[in-house]
Amino acid sequence: MVLQGKTNVYQTDLFSSLIHKIEQLGSCSYQEADEQKKAAFHVLADHVRSTSLIIADGGTPSNEGRGYVLRKIIRRAALFAQKITDNELLFPQLAEQYIELMGQIFPELALQKSYIIALLTSEIQRFSQNLSQGQQLFAKQIETLRLEKKQCIPGDQLFKLYDTYGFPLELTRVLAT
């Protein structure tokens, strides 16, 4: 950032090329985006870097330990991608761009390019299915609560949505208001 005379890391050559790719794959311009959408650009650019390197280093998404952290990063990126586009595969496509940019510096990225993209694609598609199921269950729970004239979602139902279906608590909060 300092060497390139920029005021933040997202203006540097690495991140600016990723932001440009997000603009191409998405449906909005970074320059015209509000602060919330700009934050989504930043999250995607940062998360594609970390997830690509973690996977190239042998990490895989799972429900425990380091794999759980990786899964959470990928899912967070998928949620932020929805703020920019309906293109479900934006994140794996962005990974392809990142690997092209950094493959010479990190040869393990280039060697495992197809694996990284396939893993990200699979994880995002699985999360998308979980979100869809979770939204349906959430809607049923809300309807039941309305019929019972209750205004609070029981904790066990929230936990089941999160633990069984991977439905993010942040999304539950947004939908509940």
C-alpha atoms as a PDB file:
ATOM      1  CA  MET A   1       0.000   0.000   0.000  1.00  0.00           C
ATOM      2  CA  VAL A   2       2.750   2.412   0.989  1.00  0.00           C
ATOM      3  CA  LEU A   3       4.957   1.423  -1.978  1.00  0.00           C
ATOM      4  CA  GLN A   4       2.070   2.005  -4.378  1.00  0.00           C
ATOM      5  CA  GLY A   5       1.075   5.308  -2.743  1.00  0.00           C
ATOM      6  CA  LYS A   6      -2.464   4.136  -1.919  1.00  0.00           C
ATOM      7  CA  THR A   7      -4.633   5.084   1.024  1.00  0.00           C
ATOM      8  CA  ASN A   8      -6.028   1.589   1.618  1.00  0.00           C
ATOM      9  CA  VAL A   9      -5.150  -1.981   0.651  1.00  0.00           C
ATOM     10  CA  TYR A  10      -8.151  -2.349  -1.665  1.00  0.00           C
ATOM     11  CA  GLN A  11      -6.610   0.236  -4.007  1.00  0.00           C
ATOM     12  CA  THR A  12      -3.420  -1.808  -4.481  1.00  0.00           C
ATOM     13  CA  ASP A  13      -2.832  -3.736  -7.689  1.00  0.00           C
ATOM     14  CA  LEU A  14      -3.780  -7.100  -6.162  1.00  0.00           C
ATOM     15  CA  PHE A  15      -7.105  -6.040  -4.707  1.00  0.00           C
ATOM     16  CA  SER A  16      -8.027  -3.557  -7.433  1.00  0.00           C
ATOM     17  CA  SER A  17      -7.810  -6.301 -10.054  1.00  0.00           C
ATOM     18  CA  LEU A  18     -10.053  -8.519  -7.918  1.00  0.00           C
ATOM     19  CA  ILE A  19     -12.516  -5.669  -7.415  1.00  0.00           C
ATOM     20  CA  HIS A  20     -12.567  -5.101 -11.172  1.00  0.00           C
ATOM     21  CA  LYS A  21     -13.287  -8.818 -11.681  1.00  0.00           C
ATOM     22  CA  ILE A  22     -16.151  -8.638  -9.151  1.00  0.00           C
ATOM     23  CA  GLU A  23     -17.591  -5.747 -11.158  1.00  0.00           C
ATOM     24  CA  GLN A  24     -17.402  -7.857 -14.327  1.00  0.00           C
ATOM     25  CA  LEU A  25     -19.003 -10.903 -12.704  1.00  0.00           C
ATOM     26  CA  GLY A  26     -21.498  -8.974 -10.615  1.00  0.00           C
ATOM     27  CA  SER A  27     -24.126  -6.415 -11.366  1.00  0.00           C
ATOM     28  CA  CYS A  28     -22.780  -3.189  -9.890  1.00  0.00           C
ATOM     29  CA  SER A  29     -19.884  -0.792 -10.076  1.00  0.00           C
ATOM     30  CA  TYR A  30     -17.513  -0.403  -7.136  1.00  0.00           C
ATOM     31  CA  GLN A  31     -17.280   3.369  -7.677  1.00  0.00           C
ATOM     32  CA  GLU A  32     -21.070   3.764  -7.627  1.00  0.00           C
ATOM     33  CA  ALA A  33     -21.643   1.319  -4.761  1.00  0.00           C
ATOM     34  CA  ASP A  34     -22.841   2.447  -1.347  1.00  0.00           C
ATOM     35  CA  GLU A  35     -20.727   1.672   1.722  1.00  0.00           C
ATOM     36  CA  GLN A  36     -22.479  -1.645   2.367  1.00  0.00           C
ATOM     37  CA  LYS A  37     -21.797  -2.894  -1.166  1.00  0.00           C
ATOM     38  CA  LYS A  38     -18.215  -1.624  -1.050  1.00  0.00           C
ATOM     39  CA  ALA A  39     -17.770  -3.651   2.120  1.00  0.00           C
ATOM     40  CA  ALA A  40     -19.053  -6.688   0.195  1.00  0.00           C
ATOM     41  CA  PHE A  41     -16.412  -6.068  -2.504  1.00  0.00           C
ATOM     42  CA  HIS A  42     -13.730  -5.906   0.200  1.00  0.00           C
ATOM     43  CA  VAL A  43     -14.913  -9.074   1.953  1.00  0.00           C
ATOM     44  CA  LEU A  44     -14.972 -11.011  -1.320  1.00  0.00           C
ATOM     45  CA  ALA A  45     -11.523  -9.828  -2.376  1.00  0.00           C
ATOM     46  CA  ASP A  46     -10.031 -10.644   1.005  1.00  0.00           C
ATOM     47  CA  HIS A  47     -11.822 -13.963   1.482  1.00  0.00           C
ATOM     48  CA  VAL A  48     -10.918 -15.303  -1.963  1.00  0.00           C
ATOM     49  CA  ARG A  49      -7.289 -14.762  -1.089  1.00  0.00           C
ATOM     50  CA  SER A  50      -7.466 -16.534   2.251  1.00  0.00           C
ATOM     51  CA  THR A  51      -9.629 -19.461   1.141  1.00  0.00           C
ATOM     52  CA  SER A  52      -7.588 -20.143  -1.985  1.00  0.00           C
ATOM     53  CA  LEU A  53      -4.369 -20.245   0.006  1.00  0.00           C
ATOM     54  CA  ILE A  54      -5.851 -22.375   2.785  1.00  0.00           C
ATOM     55  CA  ILE A  55      -7.173 -24.938   0.292  1.00  0.00           C
ATOM     56  CA  ALA A  56      -3.903 -24.954  -1.648  1.00  0.00           C
ATOM     57  CA  ASP A  57      -2.168 -25.598   1.672  1.00  0.00           C
ATOM     58  CA  GLY A  58      -4.305 -28.704   2.289  1.00  0.00           C
ATOM     59  CA  GLY A  59      -7.227 -27.276   4.232  1.00  0.00           C
ATOM     60  CA  THR A  60     -10.749 -28.542   3.577  1.00  0.00           C
ATOM     61  CA  PRO A  61     -14.103 -27.320   4.846  1.00  0.00           C
ATOM     62  CA  SER A  62     -15.542 -29.382   7.699  1.00  0.00           C
ATOM     63  CA  ASN A  63     -17.641 -29.053  10.824  1.00  0.00           C
ATOM     64  CA  GLU A  64     -14.746 -28.870  13.271  1.00  0.00           C
ATOM     65  CA  GLY A  65     -11.434 -27.141  13.894  1.00  0.00           C
ATOM     66  CA  ARG A  66      -9.627 -25.370  11.088  1.00  0.00           C
ATOM     67  CA  GLY A  67     -12.000 -26.843   8.534  1.00  0.00           C
ATOM     68  CA  TYR A  68     -14.883 -25.146  10.290  1.00  0.00           C
ATOM     69  CA  VAL A  69     -13.122 -21.782  10.061  1.00  0.00           C
ATOM     70  CA  LEU A  70     -12.606 -22.324   6.338  1.00  0.00           C
ATOM     71  CA  ARG A  71     -16.269 -23.273   5.882  1.00  0.00           C
ATOM     72  CA  LYS A  72     -17.351 -20.125   7.765  1.00  0.00           C
ATOM     73  CA  ILE A  73     -15.129 -17.916   5.587  1.00  0.00           C
ATOM     74  CA  ILE A  74     -16.547 -19.444   2.390  1.00  0.00           C
ATOM     75  CA  ARG A  75     -20.129 -19.106   3.621  1.00  0.00           C
ATOM     76  CA  ARG A  76     -19.558 -15.532   4.702  1.00  0.00           C
ATOM     77  CA  ALA A  77     -18.219 -14.757   1.241  1.00  0.00           C
ATOM     78  CA  ALA A  78     -21.291 -16.399  -0.319  1.00  0.00           C
ATOM     79  CA  LEU A  79     -23.587 -14.196   1.781  1.00  0.00           C
ATOM     80  CA  PHE A  80     -21.683 -11.049   0.836  1.00  0.00           C
ATOM     81  CA  ALA A  81     -21.726 -12.044  -2.849  1.00  0.00           C
ATOM     82  CA  GLN A  82     -25.529 -11.994  -2.676  1.00  0.00           C
ATOM     83  CA  LYS A  83     -25.343  -8.265  -1.902  1.00  0.00           C
ATOM     84  CA  ILE A  84     -23.700  -7.683  -5.279  1.00  0.00           C
ATOM     85  CA  THR A  85     -25.154 -10.261  -7.660  1.00  0.00           C
ATOM     86  CA  ASP A  86     -27.407 -13.246  -8.198  1.00  0.00           C
ATOM     87  CA  ASN A  87     -24.422 -15.081  -9.698  1.00  0.00           C
ATOM     88  CA  GLU A  88     -24.041 -17.940  -7.216  1.00  0.00           C
ATOM     89  CA  LEU A  89     -20.640 -18.858  -8.664  1.00  0.00           C
ATOM     90  CA  LEU A  90     -19.066 -15.410  -8.388  1.00  0.00           C
ATOM     91  CA  PHE A  91     -16.738 -16.547  -5.607  1.00  0.00           C
ATOM     92  CA  PRO A  92     -15.237 -19.587  -7.407  1.00  0.00           C
ATOM     93  CA  GLN A  93     -14.879 -17.461 -10.554  1.00  0.00           C
ATOM     94  CA  LEU A  94     -13.104 -14.824  -8.496  1.00  0.00           C
ATOM     95  CA  ALA A  95     -10.809 -17.545  -7.145  1.00  0.00           C
ATOM     96  CA  GLU A  96      -9.831 -18.343 -10.710  1.00  0.00           C
ATOM     97  CA  GLN A  97      -8.777 -14.710 -11.189  1.00  0.00           C
ATOM     98  CA  TYR A  98      -6.818 -14.715  -7.928  1.00  0.00           C
ATOM     99  CA  ILE A  99      -5.026 -17.924  -8.880  1.00  0.00           C
ATOM    100  CA  GLU A 100      -4.096 -16.443 -12.261  1.00  0.00           C
ATOM    101  CA  LEU A 101      -2.686 -13.365 -10.521  1.00  0.00           C
ATOM    102  CA  MET A 102      -0.767 -15.165  -7.788  1.00  0.00           C
ATOM    103  CA  GLY A 103      -0.015 -18.587  -9.286  1.00  0.00           C
ATOM    104  CA  GLN A 104       3.598 -17.708 -10.107  1.00  0.00           C
ATOM    105  CA  ILE A 105       4.269 -16.411  -6.605  1.00  0.00           C
ATOM    106  CA  PHE A 106       2.462 -19.319  -4.953  1.00  0.00           C
ATOM    107  CA  PRO A 107       2.944 -22.295  -7.304  1.00  0.00           C
ATOM    108  CA  GLU A 108       0.692 -24.499  -5.148  1.00  0.00           C
ATOM    109  CA  LEU A 109      -2.221 -22.297  -6.256  1.00  0.00           C
ATOM    110  CA  ALA A 110      -1.548 -22.988  -9.927  1.00  0.00           C
ATOM    111  CA  LEU A 111      -0.977 -26.695  -9.296  1.00  0.00           C
ATOM    112  CA  GLN A 112      -4.276 -27.074  -7.459  1.00  0.00           C
ATOM    113  CA  LYS A 113      -6.352 -24.565  -9.435  1.00  0.00           C
ATOM    114  CA  SER A 114      -9.055 -26.988 -10.585  1.00  0.00           C
ATOM    115  CA  TYR A 115      -9.316 -28.553  -7.114  1.00  0.00           C
ATOM    116  CA  ILE A 116      -9.644 -25.153  -5.416  1.00  0.00           C
ATOM    117  CA  ILE A 117     -12.344 -23.992  -7.812  1.00  0.00           C
ATOM    118  CA  ALA A 118     -14.232 -27.302  -7.607  1.00  0.00           C
ATOM    119  CA  LEU A 119     -14.121 -27.286  -3.802  1.00  0.00           C
ATOM    120  CA  LEU A 120     -15.324 -23.679  -3.570  1.00  0.00           C
ATOM    121  CA  THR A 121     -18.088 -24.378  -6.091  1.00  0.00           C
ATOM    122  CA  SER A 122     -19.249 -27.460  -4.221  1.00  0.00           C
ATOM    123  CA  GLU A 123     -19.199 -25.738  -0.845  1.00  0.00           C
ATOM    124  CA  ILE A 124     -21.136 -22.717  -2.110  1.00  0.00           C
ATOM    125  CA  GLN A 125     -23.735 -24.873  -3.853  1.00  0.00           C
ATOM    126  CA  ARG A 126     -24.197 -26.927  -0.688  1.00  0.00           C
ATOM    127  CA  PHE A 127     -24.554 -23.742   1.349  1.00  0.00           C
ATOM    128  CA  SER A 128     -27.082 -22.380  -1.141  1.00  0.00           C
ATOM    129  CA  GLN A 129     -29.191 -25.516  -0.704  1.00  0.00           C
ATOM    130  CA  ASN A 130     -28.905 -25.223   3.076  1.00  0.00           C
ATOM    131  CA  LEU A 131     -29.987 -21.580   2.907  1.00  0.00           C
ATOM    132  CA  SER A 132     -32.994 -22.485   0.804  1.00  0.00           C
ATOM    133  CA  GLN A 133     -34.045 -25.256   3.207  1.00  0.00           C
ATOM    134  CA  GLY A 134     -33.377 -22.999   6.180  1.00  0.00           C
ATOM    135  CA  GLN A 135     -35.470 -20.174   4.748  1.00  0.00           C
ATOM    136  CA  GLN A 136     -38.384 -22.557   4.189  1.00  0.00           C
ATOM    137  CA  LEU A 137     -38.135 -23.897   7.747  1.00  0.00           C
ATOM    138  CA  PHE A 138     -37.772 -20.379   9.117  1.00  0.00           C
ATOM    139  CA  ALA A 139     -40.897 -19.243   7.238  1.00  0.00           C
ATOM    140  CA  LYS A 140     -42.850 -22.207   8.652  1.00  0.00           C
ATOM    141  CA  GLN A 141     -41.645 -21.412  12.175  1.00  0.00           C
ATOM    142  CA  ILE A 142     -42.620 -17.748  11.816  1.00  0.00           C
ATOM    143  CA  GLU A 143     -46.081 -18.728  10.569  1.00  0.00           C
ATOM    144  CA  THR A 144     -46.549 -21.114  13.503  1.00  0.00           C
ATOM    145  CA  LEU A 145     -45.436 -18.412  15.944  1.00  0.00           C
ATOM    146  CA  ARG A 146     -47.859 -15.897  14.387  1.00  0.00           C
ATOM    147  CA  LEU A 147     -50.744 -18.348  14.707  1.00  0.00           C
ATOM    148  CA  GLU A 148     -49.778 -18.885  18.351  1.00  0.00           C
ATOM    149  CA  LYS A 149     -49.493 -15.084  18.754  1.00  0.00           C
ATOM    150  CA  LYS A 150     -45.894 -15.365  19.916  1.00  0.00           C
ATOM    151  CA  GLN A 151     -43.235 -12.813  19.072  1.00  0.00           C
ATOM    152  CA  CYS A 152     -40.099 -14.670  20.107  1.00  0.00           C
ATOM    153  CA  ILE A 153     -38.417 -17.551  18.305  1.00  0.00           C
ATOM    154  CA  PRO A 154     -37.420 -20.279  20.775  1.00  0.00           C
ATOM    155  CA  GLY A 155     -33.691 -20.806  21.140  1.00  0.00           C
ATOM    156  CA  ASP A 156     -33.889 -24.514  20.312  1.00  0.00           C
ATOM    157  CA  GLN A 157     -35.442 -23.664  16.921  1.00  0.00           C
ATOM    158  CA  LEU A 158     -32.726 -21.092  16.206  1.00  0.00           C
ATOM    159  CA  PHE A 159     -30.064 -23.600  17.182  1.00  0.00           C
ATOM    160  CA  LYS A 160     -31.564 -26.288  14.936  1.00  0.00           C
ATOM    161  CA  LEU A 161     -31.591 -23.900  11.965  1.00  0.00           C
ATOM    162  CA  TYR A 162     -27.954 -23.063  12.609  1.00  0.00           C
ATOM    163  CA  ASP A 163     -26.586 -26.450  13.641  1.00  0.00           C
ATOM    164  CA  THR A 164     -28.552 -28.739  11.334  1.00  0.00           C
ATOM    165  CA  TYR A 165     -29.013 -26.525   8.269  1.00  0.00           C
ATOM    166  CA  GLY A 166     -26.079 -24.112   8.568  1.00  0.00           C
ATOM    167  CA  PHE A 167     -28.512 -21.208   8.539  1.00  0.00           C
ATOM    168  CA  PRO A 168     -26.531 -18.186   9.806  1.00  0.00           C
ATOM    169  CA  LEU A 169     -27.776 -16.519  12.980  1.00  0.00           C
ATOM    170  CA  GLU A 170     -27.071 -13.124  11.370  1.00  0.00           C
ATOM    171  CA  LEU A 171     -29.518 -13.963   8.585  1.00  0.00           C
ATOM    172  CA  THR A 172     -32.081 -15.168  11.123  1.00  0.00           C
ATOM    173  CA  ARG A 173     -31.785 -11.802  12.899  1.00  0.00           C
ATOM    174  CA  VAL A 174     -32.368  -9.918   9.654  1.00  0.00           C
ATOM    175  CA  LEU A 175     -35.354 -12.046   8.639  1.00  0.00           C
ATOM    176  CA  ALA A 176     -36.878 -11.899  12.119  1.00  0.00           C
ATOM    177  CA  THR A 177     -37.103  -8.100  12.182  1.00  0.00           C
END
